[in-house]
Amino acid sequence: MLFCGINPGLMSAWRGQHFARPGNRFWPALHASGFTPRRLLPAEQEQVLALGLGLTNVAGRATARADELAAEELVAGGRLLAAKVEEYRPRWLAVLGVTAFRTAFGDRAAQVGPQPDTLGGARVWVLPSPSGLNAHWSPTALAAEFARLREASEPSPETPRAARTSQPARTPRRSVPEPRQPSPPEPPRQSAPAAHSG
């Protein structure tokens, strides 16, 4: 399972950690949905590799607000993400943010949940943005959507073993394949920033 945020927030880029802003609900939802045995801290992000999980972003440029990204950046990031999925071969790709997904992949009709098309051989599920600024999704509803993905991604007991292992995924060596960006100054507080991945 490869989880893909929109782009790093300033705090995430400064710390070199995914979903590092204290109000981000990614790590709590990941645990509440059963993906991790306990709630991990952003500093413990490397531990997800042992659980068969990976972390990345659509766009690599850090911003204070997601709407600072140009559409062209998301489209270019979508192409790079497709190549990354083909290289690492996860069975599932989970993109966190339906608006960014629509722009990156030119699918204006996309909704939260499973998508009809695959990407680089991986099945695709769009999750809500876990940003605390995403008031449309409560922590409980967000965790429930994560849990729907987890349940859908688990092999059925009836699935033949050969079918489960015919195309084993390569485990990324790192959960943060993008290079760490130069450390910006401590991010200023935004009165009402747009939601982003971290």
C-alpha atoms as a PDB file:
ATOM      1  CA  MET A   1       0.000   0.000   0.000  1.00  0.00           C
ATOM      2  CA  LEU A   2       1.426   3.361  -1.052  1.00  0.00           C
ATOM      3  CA  PHE A   3      -0.117   6.408   0.607  1.00  0.00           C
ATOM      4  CA  CYS A   4       0.296   9.598  -1.392  1.00  0.00           C
ATOM      5  CA  GLY A   5      -0.262  13.083   0.020  1.00  0.00           C
ATOM      6  CA  ILE A   6      -0.717  16.210  -2.071  1.00  0.00           C
ATOM      7  CA  ASN A   7       2.564  17.987  -1.249  1.00  0.00           C
ATOM      8  CA  PRO A   8       4.626  18.723   1.848  1.00  0.00           C
ATOM      9  CA  GLY A   9       3.514  21.521   4.113  1.00  0.00           C
ATOM     10  CA  LEU A  10       6.239  23.827   5.397  1.00  0.00           C
ATOM     11  CA  MET A  11       6.522  21.980   8.700  1.00  0.00           C
ATOM     12  CA  SER A  12       6.743  18.595   6.960  1.00  0.00           C
ATOM     13  CA  ALA A  13       9.504  19.891   4.692  1.00  0.00           C
ATOM     14  CA  TRP A  14      11.332  21.517   7.598  1.00  0.00           C
ATOM     15  CA  ARG A  15      11.285  18.294   9.627  1.00  0.00           C
ATOM     16  CA  GLY A  16      11.690  15.923   6.682  1.00  0.00           C
ATOM     17  CA  GLN A  17       8.614  14.008   7.863  1.00  0.00           C
ATOM     18  CA  HIS A  18       5.294  13.251   6.229  1.00  0.00           C
ATOM     19  CA  PHE A  19       2.111  14.701   7.765  1.00  0.00           C
ATOM     20  CA  ALA A  20       4.141  16.422  10.474  1.00  0.00           C
ATOM     21  CA  ARG A  21       1.818  19.303  11.337  1.00  0.00           C
ATOM     22  CA  PRO A  22       0.252  18.618  14.770  1.00  0.00           C
ATOM     23  CA  GLY A  23      -3.308  19.087  13.516  1.00  0.00           C
ATOM     24  CA  ASN A  24      -2.937  16.609  10.676  1.00  0.00           C
ATOM     25  CA  ARG A  25      -5.038  13.494  11.236  1.00  0.00           C
ATOM     26  CA  PHE A  26      -3.191  11.042   9.002  1.00  0.00           C
ATOM     27  CA  TRP A  27      -1.324   9.174  11.744  1.00  0.00           C
ATOM     28  CA  PRO A  28      -4.355   8.891  14.080  1.00  0.00           C
ATOM     29  CA  ALA A  29      -6.549   7.640  11.203  1.00  0.00           C
ATOM     30  CA  LEU A  30      -3.894   5.154  10.111  1.00  0.00           C
ATOM     31  CA  HIS A  31      -3.941   3.603  13.582  1.00  0.00           C
ATOM     32  CA  ALA A  32      -7.689   3.862  14.211  1.00  0.00           C
ATOM     33  CA  SER A  33      -8.367   2.042  10.933  1.00  0.00           C
ATOM     34  CA  GLY A  34      -6.091  -0.864  11.821  1.00  0.00           C
ATOM     35  CA  PHE A  35      -3.172  -0.198   9.485  1.00  0.00           C
ATOM     36  CA  THR A  36      -0.743   0.211  12.406  1.00  0.00           C
ATOM     37  CA  PRO A  37      -0.724  -1.549  15.805  1.00  0.00           C
ATOM     38  CA  ARG A  38      -0.297   1.775  17.598  1.00  0.00           C
ATOM     39  CA  ARG A  39      -0.360   5.445  16.738  1.00  0.00           C
ATOM     40  CA  LEU A  40       2.964   6.336  15.180  1.00  0.00           C
ATOM     41  CA  LEU A  41       4.600   9.733  15.386  1.00  0.00           C
ATOM     42  CA  PRO A  42       5.773  11.477  12.201  1.00  0.00           C
ATOM     43  CA  ALA A  43       9.348  10.884  13.366  1.00  0.00           C
ATOM     44  CA  GLU A  44       8.621   7.134  13.279  1.00  0.00           C
ATOM     45  CA  GLN A  45       7.542   7.142   9.636  1.00  0.00           C
ATOM     46  CA  GLU A  46      10.201   4.637   8.580  1.00  0.00           C
ATOM     47  CA  GLN A  47       8.449   1.978  10.665  1.00  0.00           C
ATOM     48  CA  VAL A  48       5.591   1.739   8.172  1.00  0.00           C
ATOM     49  CA  LEU A  49       7.885  -0.098   5.745  1.00  0.00           C
ATOM     50  CA  ALA A  50       7.824  -3.172   7.952  1.00  0.00           C
ATOM     51  CA  LEU A  51       4.022  -3.083   7.737  1.00  0.00           C
ATOM     52  CA  GLY A  52       4.044  -3.114   3.939  1.00  0.00           C
ATOM     53  CA  LEU A  53       3.192   0.597   3.677  1.00  0.00           C
ATOM     54  CA  GLY A  54       4.918   3.456   1.882  1.00  0.00           C
ATOM     55  CA  LEU A  55       4.615   7.252   1.859  1.00  0.00           C
ATOM     56  CA  THR A  56       5.073   9.785  -0.908  1.00  0.00           C
ATOM     57  CA  ASN A  57       3.527  12.948  -2.402  1.00  0.00           C
ATOM     58  CA  VAL A  58       2.046  13.969  -5.729  1.00  0.00           C
ATOM     59  CA  ALA A  59       4.068  17.204  -5.855  1.00  0.00           C
ATOM     60  CA  GLY A  60       7.417  17.698  -4.177  1.00  0.00           C
ATOM     61  CA  ARG A  61       7.403  21.467  -3.665  1.00  0.00           C
ATOM     62  CA  ALA A  62       6.643  22.539  -0.115  1.00  0.00           C
ATOM     63  CA  THR A  63       4.031  25.250   0.308  1.00  0.00           C
ATOM     64  CA  ALA A  64       2.148  26.892   3.142  1.00  0.00           C
ATOM     65  CA  ARG A  65      -1.125  26.210   1.337  1.00  0.00           C
ATOM     66  CA  ALA A  66      -2.066  23.556  -1.187  1.00  0.00           C
ATOM     67  CA  ASP A  67      -3.654  26.109  -3.498  1.00  0.00           C
ATOM     68  CA  GLU A  68      -0.210  27.632  -4.036  1.00  0.00           C
ATOM     69  CA  LEU A  69       0.531  24.694  -6.341  1.00  0.00           C
ATOM     70  CA  ALA A  70      -0.129  25.284 -10.019  1.00  0.00           C
ATOM     71  CA  ALA A  71      -2.250  22.761 -11.884  1.00  0.00           C
ATOM     72  CA  GLU A  72       0.797  22.016 -14.047  1.00  0.00           C
ATOM     73  CA  GLU A  73       2.734  20.943 -10.953  1.00  0.00           C
ATOM     74  CA  LEU A  74       0.042  18.457  -9.998  1.00  0.00           C
ATOM     75  CA  VAL A  75      -0.196  17.079 -13.536  1.00  0.00           C
ATOM     76  CA  ALA A  76       3.590  16.674 -13.699  1.00  0.00           C
ATOM     77  CA  GLY A  77       3.524  15.088 -10.249  1.00  0.00           C
ATOM     78  CA  GLY A  78       0.864  12.665 -11.415  1.00  0.00           C
ATOM     79  CA  ARG A  79       3.139  11.467 -14.210  1.00  0.00           C
ATOM     80  CA  LEU A  80       6.031  11.006 -11.791  1.00  0.00           C
ATOM     81  CA  LEU A  81       3.755   9.156  -9.384  1.00  0.00           C
ATOM     82  CA  ALA A  82       2.673   6.768 -12.146  1.00  0.00           C
ATOM     83  CA  ALA A  83       6.323   6.009 -12.895  1.00  0.00           C
ATOM     84  CA  LYS A  84       7.024   5.479  -9.187  1.00  0.00           C
ATOM     85  CA  VAL A  85       4.116   3.049  -8.897  1.00  0.00           C
ATOM     86  CA  GLU A  86       5.386   1.111 -11.914  1.00  0.00           C
ATOM     87  CA  GLU A  87       8.828   0.902 -10.300  1.00  0.00           C
ATOM     88  CA  TYR A  88       7.789  -0.172  -6.797  1.00  0.00           C
ATOM     89  CA  ARG A  89       4.653  -2.101  -7.806  1.00  0.00           C
ATOM     90  CA  PRO A  90       2.379  -1.630  -4.787  1.00  0.00           C
ATOM     91  CA  ARG A  91      -0.925  -3.474  -5.071  1.00  0.00           C
ATOM     92  CA  TRP A  92      -2.789  -0.353  -3.937  1.00  0.00           C
ATOM     93  CA  LEU A  93      -2.251   3.397  -4.273  1.00  0.00           C
ATOM     94  CA  ALA A  94      -4.138   5.638  -1.847  1.00  0.00           C
ATOM     95  CA  VAL A  95      -4.196   9.325  -2.813  1.00  0.00           C
ATOM     96  CA  LEU A  96      -5.106  11.665   0.045  1.00  0.00           C
ATOM     97  CA  GLY A  97      -7.113  14.503  -1.442  1.00  0.00           C
ATOM     98  CA  VAL A  98      -9.827  14.198  -4.072  1.00  0.00           C
ATOM     99  CA  THR A  99      -9.391  17.694  -5.539  1.00  0.00           C
ATOM    100  CA  ALA A 100      -5.678  17.162  -6.143  1.00  0.00           C
ATOM    101  CA  PHE A 101      -6.401  13.735  -7.625  1.00  0.00           C
ATOM    102  CA  ARG A 102      -8.895  15.213 -10.075  1.00  0.00           C
ATOM    103  CA  THR A 103      -6.347  17.769 -11.255  1.00  0.00           C
ATOM    104  CA  ALA A 104      -3.332  15.453 -11.348  1.00  0.00           C
ATOM    105  CA  PHE A 105      -5.086  12.776 -13.379  1.00  0.00           C
ATOM    106  CA  GLY A 106      -7.647  14.808 -15.313  1.00  0.00           C
ATOM    107  CA  ASP A 107     -10.622  13.039 -13.757  1.00  0.00           C
ATOM    108  CA  ARG A 108     -13.132  15.700 -12.744  1.00  0.00           C
ATOM    109  CA  ALA A 109     -15.721  13.104 -11.789  1.00  0.00           C
ATOM    110  CA  ALA A 110     -13.523  11.290  -9.255  1.00  0.00           C
ATOM    111  CA  GLN A 111     -15.004  10.819  -5.791  1.00  0.00           C
ATOM    112  CA  VAL A 112     -13.630   9.503  -2.509  1.00  0.00           C
ATOM    113  CA  GLY A 113     -13.380   5.732  -2.627  1.00  0.00           C
ATOM    114  CA  PRO A 114     -12.172   3.095  -5.098  1.00  0.00           C
ATOM    115  CA  GLN A 115     -11.452   4.246  -8.648  1.00  0.00           C
ATOM    116  CA  PRO A 116     -12.399   2.309 -11.787  1.00  0.00           C
ATOM    117  CA  ASP A 117      -8.964   2.564 -13.407  1.00  0.00           C
ATOM    118  CA  THR A 118      -5.592   1.310 -12.235  1.00  0.00           C
ATOM    119  CA  LEU A 119      -2.373   3.331 -12.225  1.00  0.00           C
ATOM    120  CA  GLY A 120       0.881   1.623 -13.079  1.00  0.00           C
ATOM    121  CA  GLY A 121      -0.770  -1.703 -12.335  1.00  0.00           C
ATOM    122  CA  ALA A 122      -1.981  -0.642  -8.876  1.00  0.00           C
ATOM    123  CA  ARG A 123      -5.578  -0.341  -7.788  1.00  0.00           C
ATOM    124  CA  VAL A 124      -6.416   3.218  -6.754  1.00  0.00           C
ATOM    125  CA  TRP A 125      -8.405   4.517  -3.808  1.00  0.00           C
ATOM    126  CA  VAL A 126      -8.951   8.223  -3.147  1.00  0.00           C
ATOM    127  CA  LEU A 127      -9.036   9.168   0.527  1.00  0.00           C
ATOM    128  CA  PRO A 128     -10.115  12.522   1.989  1.00  0.00           C
ATOM    129  CA  SER A 129      -7.381  14.966   2.861  1.00  0.00           C
ATOM    130  CA  PRO A 130      -6.392  14.293   6.488  1.00  0.00           C
ATOM    131  CA  SER A 131      -5.617  17.957   7.109  1.00  0.00           C
ATOM    132  CA  GLY A 132      -7.276  19.369  10.189  1.00  0.00           C
ATOM    133  CA  LEU A 133      -8.577  22.128   7.908  1.00  0.00           C
ATOM    134  CA  ASN A 134     -10.776  19.611   6.082  1.00  0.00           C
ATOM    135  CA  ALA A 135     -13.924  20.185   8.099  1.00  0.00           C
ATOM    136  CA  HIS A 136     -16.042  18.024   5.781  1.00  0.00           C
ATOM    137  CA  TRP A 137     -14.606  14.876   7.352  1.00  0.00           C
ATOM    138  CA  SER A 138     -14.633  14.277  11.101  1.00  0.00           C
ATOM    139  CA  PRO A 139     -11.847  12.164  12.634  1.00  0.00           C
ATOM    140  CA  THR A 140     -14.320   9.294  13.017  1.00  0.00           C
ATOM    141  CA  ALA A 141     -15.483   9.477   9.385  1.00  0.00           C
ATOM    142  CA  LEU A 142     -11.900   9.785   8.157  1.00  0.00           C
ATOM    143  CA  ALA A 143     -10.815   6.698  10.101  1.00  0.00           C
ATOM    144  CA  ALA A 144     -13.841   4.806   8.766  1.00  0.00           C
ATOM    145  CA  GLU A 145     -12.819   5.582   5.169  1.00  0.00           C
ATOM    146  CA  PHE A 146      -9.264   4.432   5.909  1.00  0.00           C
ATOM    147  CA  ALA A 147     -10.775   1.243   7.343  1.00  0.00           C
ATOM    148  CA  ARG A 148     -12.819   0.693   4.170  1.00  0.00           C
ATOM    149  CA  LEU A 149      -9.597   0.820   2.199  1.00  0.00           C
ATOM    150  CA  ARG A 150      -7.830  -1.557   4.574  1.00  0.00           C
ATOM    151  CA  GLU A 151     -10.642  -4.088   4.359  1.00  0.00           C
ATOM    152  CA  ALA A 152     -10.768  -3.857   0.561  1.00  0.00           C
ATOM    153  CA  SER A 153      -7.009  -4.293   0.280  1.00  0.00           C
ATOM    154  CA  GLU A 154      -6.838  -7.446   2.375  1.00  0.00           C
ATOM    155  CA  PRO A 155      -6.750 -10.629   0.262  1.00  0.00           C
ATOM    156  CA  SER A 156      -9.932 -12.657   0.406  1.00  0.00           C
ATOM    157  CA  PRO A 157      -9.590 -16.035   2.183  1.00  0.00           C
ATOM    158  CA  GLU A 158     -10.952 -17.611  -0.990  1.00  0.00           C
ATOM    159  CA  THR A 159      -8.217 -16.067  -3.151  1.00  0.00           C
ATOM    160  CA  PRO A 160      -5.776 -18.790  -4.290  1.00  0.00           C
ATOM    161  CA  ARG A 161      -2.321 -18.351  -2.827  1.00  0.00           C
ATOM    162  CA  ALA A 162      -0.749 -18.276  -6.289  1.00  0.00           C
ATOM    163  CA  ALA A 163      -2.939 -15.313  -7.248  1.00  0.00           C
ATOM    164  CA  ARG A 164      -1.866 -13.430  -4.142  1.00  0.00           C
ATOM    165  CA  THR A 165       1.831 -13.860  -4.851  1.00  0.00           C
ATOM    166  CA  SER A 166       2.004 -13.825  -8.637  1.00  0.00           C
ATOM    167  CA  GLN A 167       3.209 -10.205  -8.726  1.00  0.00           C
ATOM    168  CA  PRO A 168       4.978  -9.421  -5.470  1.00  0.00           C
ATOM    169  CA  ALA A 169       5.481  -5.735  -4.836  1.00  0.00           C
ATOM    170  CA  ARG A 170       8.927  -4.284  -4.371  1.00  0.00           C
ATOM    171  CA  THR A 171       9.269  -2.698  -0.971  1.00  0.00           C
ATOM    172  CA  PRO A 172      10.727   0.800  -1.261  1.00  0.00           C
ATOM    173  CA  ARG A 173      14.024   1.159   0.537  1.00  0.00           C
ATOM    174  CA  ARG A 174      12.755   4.383   2.105  1.00  0.00           C
ATOM    175  CA  SER A 175       9.317   5.687   2.900  1.00  0.00           C
ATOM    176  CA  VAL A 176      10.444   9.154   1.761  1.00  0.00           C
ATOM    177  CA  PRO A 177      11.802   8.761  -1.782  1.00  0.00           C
ATOM    178  CA  GLU A 178      11.906  12.515  -2.468  1.00  0.00           C
ATOM    179  CA  PRO A 179      15.039  14.412  -1.452  1.00  0.00           C
ATOM    180  CA  ARG A 180      14.667  16.544   1.603  1.00  0.00           C
ATOM    181  CA  GLN A 181      14.195  20.178   0.701  1.00  0.00           C
ATOM    182  CA  PRO A 182      16.300  22.987   2.172  1.00  0.00           C
ATOM    183  CA  SER A 183      15.059  23.827   5.626  1.00  0.00           C
ATOM    184  CA  PRO A 184      12.759  26.862   5.444  1.00  0.00           C
ATOM    185  CA  PRO A 185      12.261  29.079   8.486  1.00  0.00           C
ATOM    186  CA  GLU A 186       9.689  28.085  11.079  1.00  0.00           C
ATOM    187  CA  PRO A 187       6.364  28.284   9.202  1.00  0.00           C
ATOM    188  CA  PRO A 188       4.212  31.299  10.001  1.00  0.00           C
ATOM    189  CA  ARG A 189       0.756  30.627  11.334  1.00  0.00           C
ATOM    190  CA  GLN A 190      -1.912  30.944   8.667  1.00  0.00           C
ATOM    191  CA  SER A 191      -5.332  32.208   9.636  1.00  0.00           C
ATOM    192  CA  ALA A 192      -7.196  29.986   7.175  1.00  0.00           C
ATOM    193  CA  PRO A 193      -4.793  28.004   4.933  1.00  0.00           C
ATOM    194  CA  ALA A 194      -6.031  25.529   2.415  1.00  0.00           C
ATOM    195  CA  ALA A 195      -5.715  21.850   3.255  1.00  0.00           C
ATOM    196  CA  HIS A 196      -2.563  20.064   2.175  1.00  0.00           C
ATOM    197  CA  SER A 197      -0.890  16.777   2.949  1.00  0.00           C
ATOM    198  CA  GLY A 198       1.206  17.759   5.885  1.00  0.00           C
END
